[in-house]
Amino acid sequence: MIRLNCFFASKEGRYNEALEAALRLTAASQLQEGCISYDVFESGTRDNVFMFCETWVSQEALDKHSASEVFVKEVAAIQDCGHLKLERFEF
């Protein structure tokens, strides 16, 4: 299994735009083969931060996800609104 935690910090005034893209990405990703879990959480302490928490059955499933049209489109939209930082854990 592969677990990814991806943190996002928005540029001023761009948080809602990024969160909307994150929610679209989350909904589509939850339906993809090999997805064990995929969610987005808003920070309770910082107004401009959210985090993706995702778990995949294998590198192959993660690679397919990363190459999907929705991933490419929505991640580009999110990155335009701020900064992403990825943490990866393998079990």
PDB file of N, CA and C in Angstrom:
ATOM      1  N   MET A   1       0.833  -1.180   0.000  1.00  0.00           N
ATOM      2  CA  MET A   1       0.000   0.000   0.000  1.00  0.00           C
ATOM      3  C   MET A   1       0.878   1.244   0.000  1.00  0.00           C
ATOM      4  N   ILE A   2       0.360   2.272  -0.604  1.00  0.00           N
ATOM      5  CA  ILE A   2       1.053   3.553  -0.651  1.00  0.00           C
ATOM      6  C   ILE A   2       0.124   4.618  -0.088  1.00  0.00           C
ATOM      7  N   ARG A   3       0.628   5.365   0.878  1.00  0.00           N
ATOM      8  CA  ARG A   3      -0.129   6.472   1.487  1.00  0.00           C
ATOM      9  C   ARG A   3       0.556   7.777   1.112  1.00  0.00           C
ATOM     10  N   LEU A   4      -0.229   8.721   0.639  1.00  0.00           N
ATOM     11  CA  LEU A   4       0.271  10.056   0.325  1.00  0.00           C
ATOM     12  C   LEU A   4      -0.494  11.083   1.153  1.00  0.00           C
ATOM     13  N   ASN A   5       0.251  11.980   1.751  1.00  0.00           N
ATOM     14  CA  ASN A   5      -0.326  13.165   2.386  1.00  0.00           C
ATOM     15  C   ASN A   5       0.204  14.350   1.610  1.00  0.00           C
ATOM     16  N   CYS A   6      -0.690  15.120   1.047  1.00  0.00           N
ATOM     17  CA  CYS A   6      -0.288  16.263   0.235  1.00  0.00           C
ATOM     18  C   CYS A   6      -0.898  17.526   0.839  1.00  0.00           C
ATOM     19  N   PHE A   7      -0.030  18.399   1.306  1.00  0.00           N
ATOM     20  CA  PHE A   7      -0.462  19.630   1.952  1.00  0.00           C
ATOM     21  C   PHE A   7      -0.503  20.769   0.938  1.00  0.00           C
ATOM     22  N   PHE A   8      -1.497  21.641   1.078  1.00  0.00           N
ATOM     23  CA  PHE A   8      -1.659  22.780   0.190  1.00  0.00           C
ATOM     24  C   PHE A   8      -1.775  24.054   1.013  1.00  0.00           C
ATOM     25  N   ALA A   9      -1.027  25.080   0.624  1.00  0.00           N
ATOM     26  CA  ALA A   9      -1.137  26.419   1.201  1.00  0.00           C
ATOM     27  C   ALA A   9      -1.446  27.386   0.064  1.00  0.00           C
ATOM     28  N   SER A  10      -2.526  28.146   0.202  1.00  0.00           N
ATOM     29  CA  SER A  10      -2.980  28.992  -0.906  1.00  0.00           C
ATOM     30  C   SER A  10      -2.309  30.352  -0.935  1.00  0.00           C
ATOM     31  N   LYS A  11      -2.298  30.906  -2.135  1.00  0.00           N
ATOM     32  CA  LYS A  11      -1.972  32.312  -2.308  1.00  0.00           C
ATOM     33  C   LYS A  11      -3.158  33.106  -1.773  1.00  0.00           C
ATOM     34  N   GLU A  12      -2.904  34.333  -1.427  1.00  0.00           N
ATOM     35  CA  GLU A  12      -3.969  35.173  -0.876  1.00  0.00           C
ATOM     36  C   GLU A  12      -5.153  35.256  -1.842  1.00  0.00           C
ATOM     37  N   GLY A  13      -6.343  34.980  -1.323  1.00  0.00           N
ATOM     38  CA  GLY A  13      -7.564  35.086  -2.102  1.00  0.00           C
ATOM     39  C   GLY A  13      -7.851  33.924  -3.041  1.00  0.00           C
ATOM     40  N   ARG A  14      -7.049  32.863  -3.017  1.00  0.00           N
ATOM     41  CA  ARG A  14      -7.211  31.758  -3.970  1.00  0.00           C
ATOM     42  C   ARG A  14      -7.652  30.441  -3.313  1.00  0.00           C
ATOM     43  N   TYR A  15      -7.862  30.458  -2.005  1.00  0.00           N
ATOM     44  CA  TYR A  15      -8.167  29.228  -1.275  1.00  0.00           C
ATOM     45  C   TYR A  15      -9.430  28.537  -1.792  1.00  0.00           C
ATOM     46  N   ASN A  16     -10.527  29.270  -1.908  1.00  0.00           N
ATOM     47  CA  ASN A  16     -11.791  28.649  -2.320  1.00  0.00           C
ATOM     48  C   ASN A  16     -11.700  28.032  -3.710  1.00  0.00           C
ATOM     49  N   GLU A  17     -11.021  28.707  -4.606  1.00  0.00           N
ATOM     50  CA  GLU A  17     -10.816  28.180  -5.966  1.00  0.00           C
ATOM     51  C   GLU A  17     -10.058  26.849  -5.921  1.00  0.00           C
ATOM     52  N   ALA A  18      -9.006  26.808  -5.102  1.00  0.00           N
ATOM     53  CA  ALA A  18      -8.215  25.579  -4.973  1.00  0.00           C
ATOM     54  C   ALA A  18      -9.026  24.469  -4.314  1.00  0.00           C
ATOM     55  N   LEU A  19      -9.786  24.808  -3.288  1.00  0.00           N
ATOM     56  CA  LEU A  19     -10.589  23.794  -2.599  1.00  0.00           C
ATOM     57  C   LEU A  19     -11.636  23.196  -3.519  1.00  0.00           C
ATOM     58  N   GLU A  20     -12.255  24.003  -4.362  1.00  0.00           N
ATOM     59  CA  GLU A  20     -13.235  23.477  -5.318  1.00  0.00           C
ATOM     60  C   GLU A  20     -12.580  22.471  -6.264  1.00  0.00           C
ATOM     61  N   ALA A  21     -11.386  22.776  -6.753  1.00  0.00           N
ATOM     62  CA  ALA A  21     -10.659  21.830  -7.605  1.00  0.00           C
ATOM     63  C   ALA A  21     -10.287  20.575  -6.822  1.00  0.00           C
ATOM     64  N   ALA A  22      -9.903  20.743  -5.569  1.00  0.00           N
ATOM     65  CA  ALA A  22      -9.547  19.598  -4.723  1.00  0.00           C
ATOM     66  C   ALA A  22     -10.748  18.684  -4.503  1.00  0.00           C
ATOM     67  N   LEU A  23     -11.904  19.249  -4.322  1.00  0.00           N
ATOM     68  CA  LEU A  23     -13.105  18.439  -4.122  1.00  0.00           C
ATOM     69  C   LEU A  23     -13.491  17.692  -5.395  1.00  0.00           C
ATOM     70  N   ARG A  24     -13.319  18.332  -6.547  1.00  0.00           N
ATOM     71  CA  ARG A  24     -13.571  17.628  -7.824  1.00  0.00           C
ATOM     72  C   ARG A  24     -12.598  16.474  -7.995  1.00  0.00           C
ATOM     73  N   LEU A  25     -11.322  16.724  -7.702  1.00  0.00           N
ATOM     74  CA  LEU A  25     -10.302  15.679  -7.807  1.00  0.00           C
ATOM     75  C   LEU A  25     -10.598  14.535  -6.848  1.00  0.00           C
ATOM     76  N   THR A  26     -10.988  14.861  -5.648  1.00  0.00           N
ATOM     77  CA  THR A  26     -11.294  13.835  -4.645  1.00  0.00           C
ATOM     78  C   THR A  26     -12.446  12.948  -5.098  1.00  0.00           C
ATOM     79  N   ALA A  27     -13.516  13.545  -5.551  1.00  0.00           N
ATOM     80  CA  ALA A  27     -14.688  12.776  -5.989  1.00  0.00           C
ATOM     81  C   ALA A  27     -14.333  11.827  -7.130  1.00  0.00           C
ATOM     82  N   ALA A  28     -13.567  12.300  -8.102  1.00  0.00           N
ATOM     83  CA  ALA A  28     -13.176  11.459  -9.237  1.00  0.00           C
ATOM     84  C   ALA A  28     -12.192  10.368  -8.804  1.00  0.00           C
ATOM     85  N   SER A  29     -11.268  10.706  -7.937  1.00  0.00           N
ATOM     86  CA  SER A  29     -10.233   9.758  -7.509  1.00  0.00           C
ATOM     87  C   SER A  29     -10.820   8.602  -6.708  1.00  0.00           C
ATOM     88  N   GLN A  30     -11.831   8.879  -5.908  1.00  0.00           N
ATOM     89  CA  GLN A  30     -12.458   7.833  -5.094  1.00  0.00           C
ATOM     90  C   GLN A  30     -13.051   6.722  -5.955  1.00  0.00           C
ATOM     91  N   LEU A  31     -13.343   7.013  -7.205  1.00  0.00           N
ATOM     92  CA  LEU A  31     -13.939   6.040  -8.118  1.00  0.00           C
ATOM     93  C   LEU A  31     -12.904   5.243  -8.908  1.00  0.00           C
ATOM     94  N   GLN A  32     -11.640   5.634  -8.827  1.00  0.00           N
ATOM     95  CA  GLN A  32     -10.614   4.988  -9.636  1.00  0.00           C
ATOM     96  C   GLN A  32     -10.206   3.639  -9.053  1.00  0.00           C
ATOM     97  N   GLU A  33      -9.919   2.711  -9.955  1.00  0.00           N
ATOM     98  CA  GLU A  33      -9.472   1.383  -9.555  1.00  0.00           C
ATOM     99  C   GLU A  33      -8.172   1.491  -8.758  1.00  0.00           C
ATOM    100  N   GLY A  34      -8.121   0.778  -7.642  1.00  0.00           N
ATOM    101  CA  GLY A  34      -6.918   0.771  -6.820  1.00  0.00           C
ATOM    102  C   GLY A  34      -6.914   1.803  -5.712  1.00  0.00           C
ATOM    103  N   CYS A  35      -7.931   2.650  -5.674  1.00  0.00           N
ATOM    104  CA  CYS A  35      -8.033   3.646  -4.611  1.00  0.00           C
ATOM    105  C   CYS A  35      -8.645   2.995  -3.376  1.00  0.00           C
ATOM    106  N   ILE A  36      -7.893   2.978  -2.288  1.00  0.00           N
ATOM    107  CA  ILE A  36      -8.413   2.475  -1.019  1.00  0.00           C
ATOM    108  C   ILE A  36      -9.150   3.592  -0.293  1.00  0.00           C
ATOM    109  N   SER A  37      -8.544   4.769  -0.260  1.00  0.00           N
ATOM    110  CA  SER A  37      -9.197   5.940   0.317  1.00  0.00           C
ATOM    111  C   SER A  37      -8.591   7.196  -0.292  1.00  0.00           C
ATOM    112  N   TYR A  38      -9.411   8.239  -0.330  1.00  0.00           N
ATOM    113  CA  TYR A  38      -8.971   9.521  -0.888  1.00  0.00           C
ATOM    114  C   TYR A  38      -9.873  10.570  -0.281  1.00  0.00           C
ATOM    115  N   ASP A  39      -9.288  11.515   0.431  1.00  0.00           N
ATOM    116  CA  ASP A  39     -10.092  12.548   1.067  1.00  0.00           C
ATOM    117  C   ASP A  39      -9.297  13.839   1.143  1.00  0.00           C
ATOM    118  N   VAL A  40     -10.001  14.917   1.393  1.00  0.00           N
ATOM    119  CA  VAL A  40      -9.367  16.219   1.566  1.00  0.00           C
ATOM    120  C   VAL A  40      -9.886  16.794   2.884  1.00  0.00           C
ATOM    121  N   PHE A  41      -8.963  17.343   3.668  1.00  0.00           N
ATOM    122  CA  PHE A  41      -9.279  17.883   4.983  1.00  0.00           C
ATOM    123  C   PHE A  41      -8.835  19.334   5.071  1.00  0.00           C
ATOM    124  N   GLU A  42      -9.681  20.178   5.636  1.00  0.00           N
ATOM    125  CA  GLU A  42      -9.301  21.568   5.868  1.00  0.00           C
ATOM    126  C   GLU A  42      -8.637  21.698   7.230  1.00  0.00           C
ATOM    127  N   SER A  43      -7.636  22.544   7.318  1.00  0.00           N
ATOM    128  CA  SER A  43      -6.949  22.785   8.585  1.00  0.00           C
ATOM    129  C   SER A  43      -7.883  23.496   9.563  1.00  0.00           C
ATOM    130  N   GLY A  44      -7.823  23.071  10.804  1.00  0.00           N
ATOM    131  CA  GLY A  44      -8.590  23.736  11.855  1.00  0.00           C
ATOM    132  C   GLY A  44      -7.838  24.896  12.471  1.00  0.00           C
ATOM    133  N   THR A  45      -6.572  25.063  12.100  1.00  0.00           N
ATOM    134  CA  THR A  45      -5.755  26.109  12.719  1.00  0.00           C
ATOM    135  C   THR A  45      -5.224  27.145  11.738  1.00  0.00           C
ATOM    136  N   ARG A  46      -5.257  26.826  10.438  1.00  0.00           N
ATOM    137  CA  ARG A  46      -4.757  27.775   9.427  1.00  0.00           C
ATOM    138  C   ARG A  46      -5.797  27.908   8.321  1.00  0.00           C
ATOM    139  N   ASP A  47      -6.214  29.147   8.071  1.00  0.00           N
ATOM    140  CA  ASP A  47      -7.305  29.412   7.131  1.00  0.00           C
ATOM    141  C   ASP A  47      -6.977  29.085   5.683  1.00  0.00           C
ATOM    142  N   ASN A  48      -5.716  29.029   5.330  1.00  0.00           N
ATOM    143  CA  ASN A  48      -5.351  28.867   3.923  1.00  0.00           C
ATOM    144  C   ASN A  48      -4.747  27.501   3.610  1.00  0.00           C
ATOM    145  N   VAL A  49      -5.010  26.494   4.449  1.00  0.00           N
ATOM    146  CA  VAL A  49      -4.356  25.191   4.291  1.00  0.00           C
ATOM    147  C   VAL A  49      -5.386  24.059   4.260  1.00  0.00           C
ATOM    148  N   PHE A  50      -5.181  23.117   3.329  1.00  0.00           N
ATOM    149  CA  PHE A  50      -5.886  21.844   3.360  1.00  0.00           C
ATOM    150  C   PHE A  50      -4.917  20.732   3.029  1.00  0.00           C
ATOM    151  N   MET A  51      -5.369  19.478   3.212  1.00  0.00           N
ATOM    152  CA  MET A  51      -4.508  18.327   2.989  1.00  0.00           C
ATOM    153  C   MET A  51      -5.289  17.214   2.298  1.00  0.00           C
ATOM    154  N   PHE A  52      -4.675  16.636   1.276  1.00  0.00           N
ATOM    155  CA  PHE A  52      -5.176  15.393   0.700  1.00  0.00           C
ATOM    156  C   PHE A  52      -4.573  14.242   1.487  1.00  0.00           C
ATOM    157  N   CYS A  53      -5.366  13.247   1.759  1.00  0.00           N
ATOM    158  CA  CYS A  53      -4.874  12.007   2.359  1.00  0.00           C
ATOM    159  C   CYS A  53      -5.393  10.886   1.464  1.00  0.00           C
ATOM    160  N   GLU A  54      -4.464  10.176   0.826  1.00  0.00           N
ATOM    161  CA  GLU A  54      -4.879   9.150  -0.138  1.00  0.00           C
ATOM    162  C   GLU A  54      -4.084   7.874   0.072  1.00  0.00           C
ATOM    163  N   THR A  55      -4.749   6.743  -0.180  1.00  0.00           N
ATOM    164  CA  THR A  55      -4.114   5.439  -0.060  1.00  0.00           C
ATOM    165  C   THR A  55      -4.430   4.625  -1.307  1.00  0.00           C
ATOM    166  N   TRP A  56      -3.383   4.036  -1.885  1.00  0.00           N
ATOM    167  CA  TRP A  56      -3.489   3.262  -3.124  1.00  0.00           C
ATOM    168  C   TRP A  56      -2.967   1.855  -2.894  1.00  0.00           C
ATOM    169  N   VAL A  57      -3.539   0.884  -3.616  1.00  0.00           N
ATOM    170  CA  VAL A  57      -3.132  -0.510  -3.437  1.00  0.00           C
ATOM    171  C   VAL A  57      -1.733  -0.780  -3.959  1.00  0.00           C
ATOM    172  N   SER A  58      -1.284  -0.005  -4.959  1.00  0.00           N
ATOM    173  CA  SER A  58       0.011  -0.288  -5.579  1.00  0.00           C
ATOM    174  C   SER A  58       0.551   0.935  -6.313  1.00  0.00           C
ATOM    175  N   GLN A  59       1.806   0.848  -6.693  1.00  0.00           N
ATOM    176  CA  GLN A  59       2.408   1.911  -7.503  1.00  0.00           C
ATOM    177  C   GLN A  59       1.721   2.002  -8.861  1.00  0.00           C
ATOM    178  N   GLU A  60       1.343   0.857  -9.411  1.00  0.00           N
ATOM    179  CA  GLU A  60       0.650   0.846 -10.707  1.00  0.00           C
ATOM    180  C   GLU A  60      -0.656   1.632 -10.640  1.00  0.00           C
ATOM    181  N   ALA A  61      -1.439   1.432  -9.567  1.00  0.00           N
ATOM    182  CA  ALA A  61      -2.697   2.174  -9.411  1.00  0.00           C
ATOM    183  C   ALA A  61      -2.430   3.661  -9.248  1.00  0.00           C
ATOM    184  N   LEU A  62      -1.401   4.005  -8.483  1.00  0.00           N
ATOM    185  CA  LEU A  62      -1.042   5.412  -8.290  1.00  0.00           C
ATOM    186  C   LEU A  62      -0.581   6.044  -9.599  1.00  0.00           C
ATOM    187  N   ASP A  63       0.195   5.297 -10.384  1.00  0.00           N
ATOM    188  CA  ASP A  63       0.658   5.812 -11.677  1.00  0.00           C
ATOM    189  C   ASP A  63      -0.516   6.096 -12.613  1.00  0.00           C
ATOM    190  N   LYS A  64      -1.500   5.197 -12.644  1.00  0.00           N
ATOM    191  CA  LYS A  64      -2.686   5.414 -13.484  1.00  0.00           C
ATOM    192  C   LYS A  64      -3.450   6.648 -13.019  1.00  0.00           C
ATOM    193  N   HIS A  65      -3.572   6.790 -11.721  1.00  0.00           N
ATOM    194  CA  HIS A  65      -4.239   7.967 -11.158  1.00  0.00           C
ATOM    195  C   HIS A  65      -3.506   9.245 -11.575  1.00  0.00           C
ATOM    196  N   SER A  66      -2.200   9.240 -11.405  1.00  0.00           N
ATOM    197  CA  SER A  66      -1.387  10.429 -11.705  1.00  0.00           C
ATOM    198  C   SER A  66      -1.413  10.802 -13.183  1.00  0.00           C
ATOM    199  N   ALA A  67      -1.678   9.845 -14.036  1.00  0.00           N
ATOM    200  CA  ALA A  67      -1.735  10.092 -15.480  1.00  0.00           C
ATOM    201  C   ALA A  67      -3.150  10.409 -15.965  1.00  0.00           C
ATOM    202  N   SER A  68      -4.133  10.301 -15.067  1.00  0.00           N
ATOM    203  CA  SER A  68      -5.519  10.509 -15.490  1.00  0.00           C
ATOM    204  C   SER A  68      -5.779  11.969 -15.855  1.00  0.00           C
ATOM    205  N   GLU A  69      -6.715  12.158 -16.739  1.00  0.00           N
ATOM    206  CA  GLU A  69      -7.057  13.501 -17.224  1.00  0.00           C
ATOM    207  C   GLU A  69      -7.508  14.405 -16.082  1.00  0.00           C
ATOM    208  N   VAL A  70      -8.334  13.871 -15.190  1.00  0.00           N
ATOM    209  CA  VAL A  70      -8.837  14.689 -14.085  1.00  0.00           C
ATOM    210  C   VAL A  70      -7.706  15.092 -13.140  1.00  0.00           C
ATOM    211  N   PHE A  71      -6.760  14.190 -12.881  1.00  0.00           N
ATOM    212  CA  PHE A  71      -5.623  14.523 -12.020  1.00  0.00           C
ATOM    213  C   PHE A  71      -4.806  15.655 -12.625  1.00  0.00           C
ATOM    214  N   VAL A  72      -4.447  15.511 -13.886  1.00  0.00           N
ATOM    215  CA  VAL A  72      -3.616  16.517 -14.554  1.00  0.00           C
ATOM    216  C   VAL A  72      -4.313  17.876 -14.539  1.00  0.00           C
ATOM    217  N   LYS A  73      -5.587  17.898 -14.862  1.00  0.00           N
ATOM    218  CA  LYS A  73      -6.346  19.152 -14.926  1.00  0.00           C
ATOM    219  C   LYS A  73      -6.494  19.803 -13.559  1.00  0.00           C
ATOM    220  N   GLU A  74      -6.947  19.043 -12.574  1.00  0.00           N
ATOM    221  CA  GLU A  74      -7.245  19.632 -11.269  1.00  0.00           C
ATOM    222  C   GLU A  74      -5.977  19.962 -10.483  1.00  0.00           C
ATOM    223  N   VAL A  75      -4.940  19.159 -10.594  1.00  0.00           N
ATOM    224  CA  VAL A  75      -3.691  19.487  -9.903  1.00  0.00           C
ATOM    225  C   VAL A  75      -3.079  20.761 -10.478  1.00  0.00           C
ATOM    226  N   ALA A  76      -3.163  20.938 -11.779  1.00  0.00           N
ATOM    227  CA  ALA A  76      -2.665  22.178 -12.386  1.00  0.00           C
ATOM    228  C   ALA A  76      -3.439  23.379 -11.842  1.00  0.00           C
ATOM    229  N   ALA A  77      -4.752  23.235 -11.713  1.00  0.00           N
ATOM    230  CA  ALA A  77      -5.571  24.324 -11.179  1.00  0.00           C
ATOM    231  C   ALA A  77      -5.203  24.623  -9.725  1.00  0.00           C
ATOM    232  N   ILE A  78      -4.985  23.577  -8.943  1.00  0.00           N
ATOM    233  CA  ILE A  78      -4.615  23.751  -7.536  1.00  0.00           C
ATOM    234  C   ILE A  78      -3.248  24.409  -7.417  1.00  0.00           C
ATOM    235  N   GLN A  79      -2.286  23.947  -8.195  1.00  0.00           N
ATOM    236  CA  GLN A  79      -0.937  24.508  -8.134  1.00  0.00           C
ATOM    237  C   GLN A  79      -0.915  25.976  -8.543  1.00  0.00           C
ATOM    238  N   ASP A  80      -1.801  26.372  -9.423  1.00  0.00           N
ATOM    239  CA  ASP A  80      -1.876  27.762  -9.822  1.00  0.00           C
ATOM    240  C   ASP A  80      -2.319  28.655  -8.656  1.00  0.00           C
ATOM    241  N   CYS A  81      -2.993  28.046  -7.685  1.00  0.00           N
ATOM    242  CA  CYS A  81      -3.546  28.805  -6.547  1.00  0.00           C
ATOM    243  C   CYS A  81      -2.633  28.817  -5.330  1.00  0.00           C
ATOM    244  N   GLY A  82      -1.553  28.072  -5.348  1.00  0.00           N
ATOM    245  CA  GLY A  82      -0.690  28.021  -4.179  1.00  0.00           C
ATOM    246  C   GLY A  82       0.408  26.991  -4.314  1.00  0.00           C
ATOM    247  N   HIS A  83       0.795  26.409  -3.184  1.00  0.00           N
ATOM    248  CA  HIS A  83       1.941  25.501  -3.131  1.00  0.00           C
ATOM    249  C   HIS A  83       1.528  24.151  -2.541  1.00  0.00           C
ATOM    250  N   LEU A  84       1.942  23.055  -3.200  1.00  0.00           N
ATOM    251  CA  LEU A  84       1.698  21.694  -2.718  1.00  0.00           C
ATOM    252  C   LEU A  84       2.992  21.092  -2.176  1.00  0.00           C
ATOM    253  N   LYS A  85       2.877  20.333  -1.084  1.00  0.00           N
ATOM    254  CA  LYS A  85       4.002  19.599  -0.520  1.00  0.00           C
ATOM    255  C   LYS A  85       3.550  18.161  -0.276  1.00  0.00           C
ATOM    256  N   LEU A  86       4.289  17.203  -0.814  1.00  0.00           N
ATOM    257  CA  LEU A  86       3.911  15.793  -0.769  1.00  0.00           C
ATOM    258  C   LEU A  86       4.772  15.011   0.221  1.00  0.00           C
ATOM    259  N   GLU A  87       4.096  14.155   1.017  1.00  0.00           N
ATOM    260  CA  GLU A  87       4.768  13.181   1.871  1.00  0.00           C
ATOM    261  C   GLU A  87       4.308  11.801   1.431  1.00  0.00           C
ATOM    262  N   ARG A  88       5.223  10.850   1.344  1.00  0.00           N
ATOM    263  CA  ARG A  88       4.896   9.504   0.847  1.00  0.00           C
ATOM    264  C   ARG A  88       5.321   8.458   1.869  1.00  0.00           C
ATOM    265  N   PHE A  89       4.449   7.473   2.073  1.00  0.00           N
ATOM    266  CA  PHE A  89       4.719   6.359   2.987  1.00  0.00           C
ATOM    267  C   PHE A  89       4.310   5.072   2.299  1.00  0.00           C
ATOM    268  N   GLU A  90       5.158   4.051   2.408  1.00  0.00           N
ATOM    269  CA  GLU A  90       4.825   2.744   1.824  1.00  0.00           C
ATOM    270  C   GLU A  90       4.744   1.707   2.932  1.00  0.00           C
ATOM    271  N   PHE A  91       3.747   0.828   2.800  1.00  0.00           N
ATOM    272  CA  PHE A  91       3.512  -0.222   3.801  1.00  0.00           C
ATOM    273  C   PHE A  91       3.699  -1.581   3.176  1.00  0.00           C
TER     274      PHE A  91
END
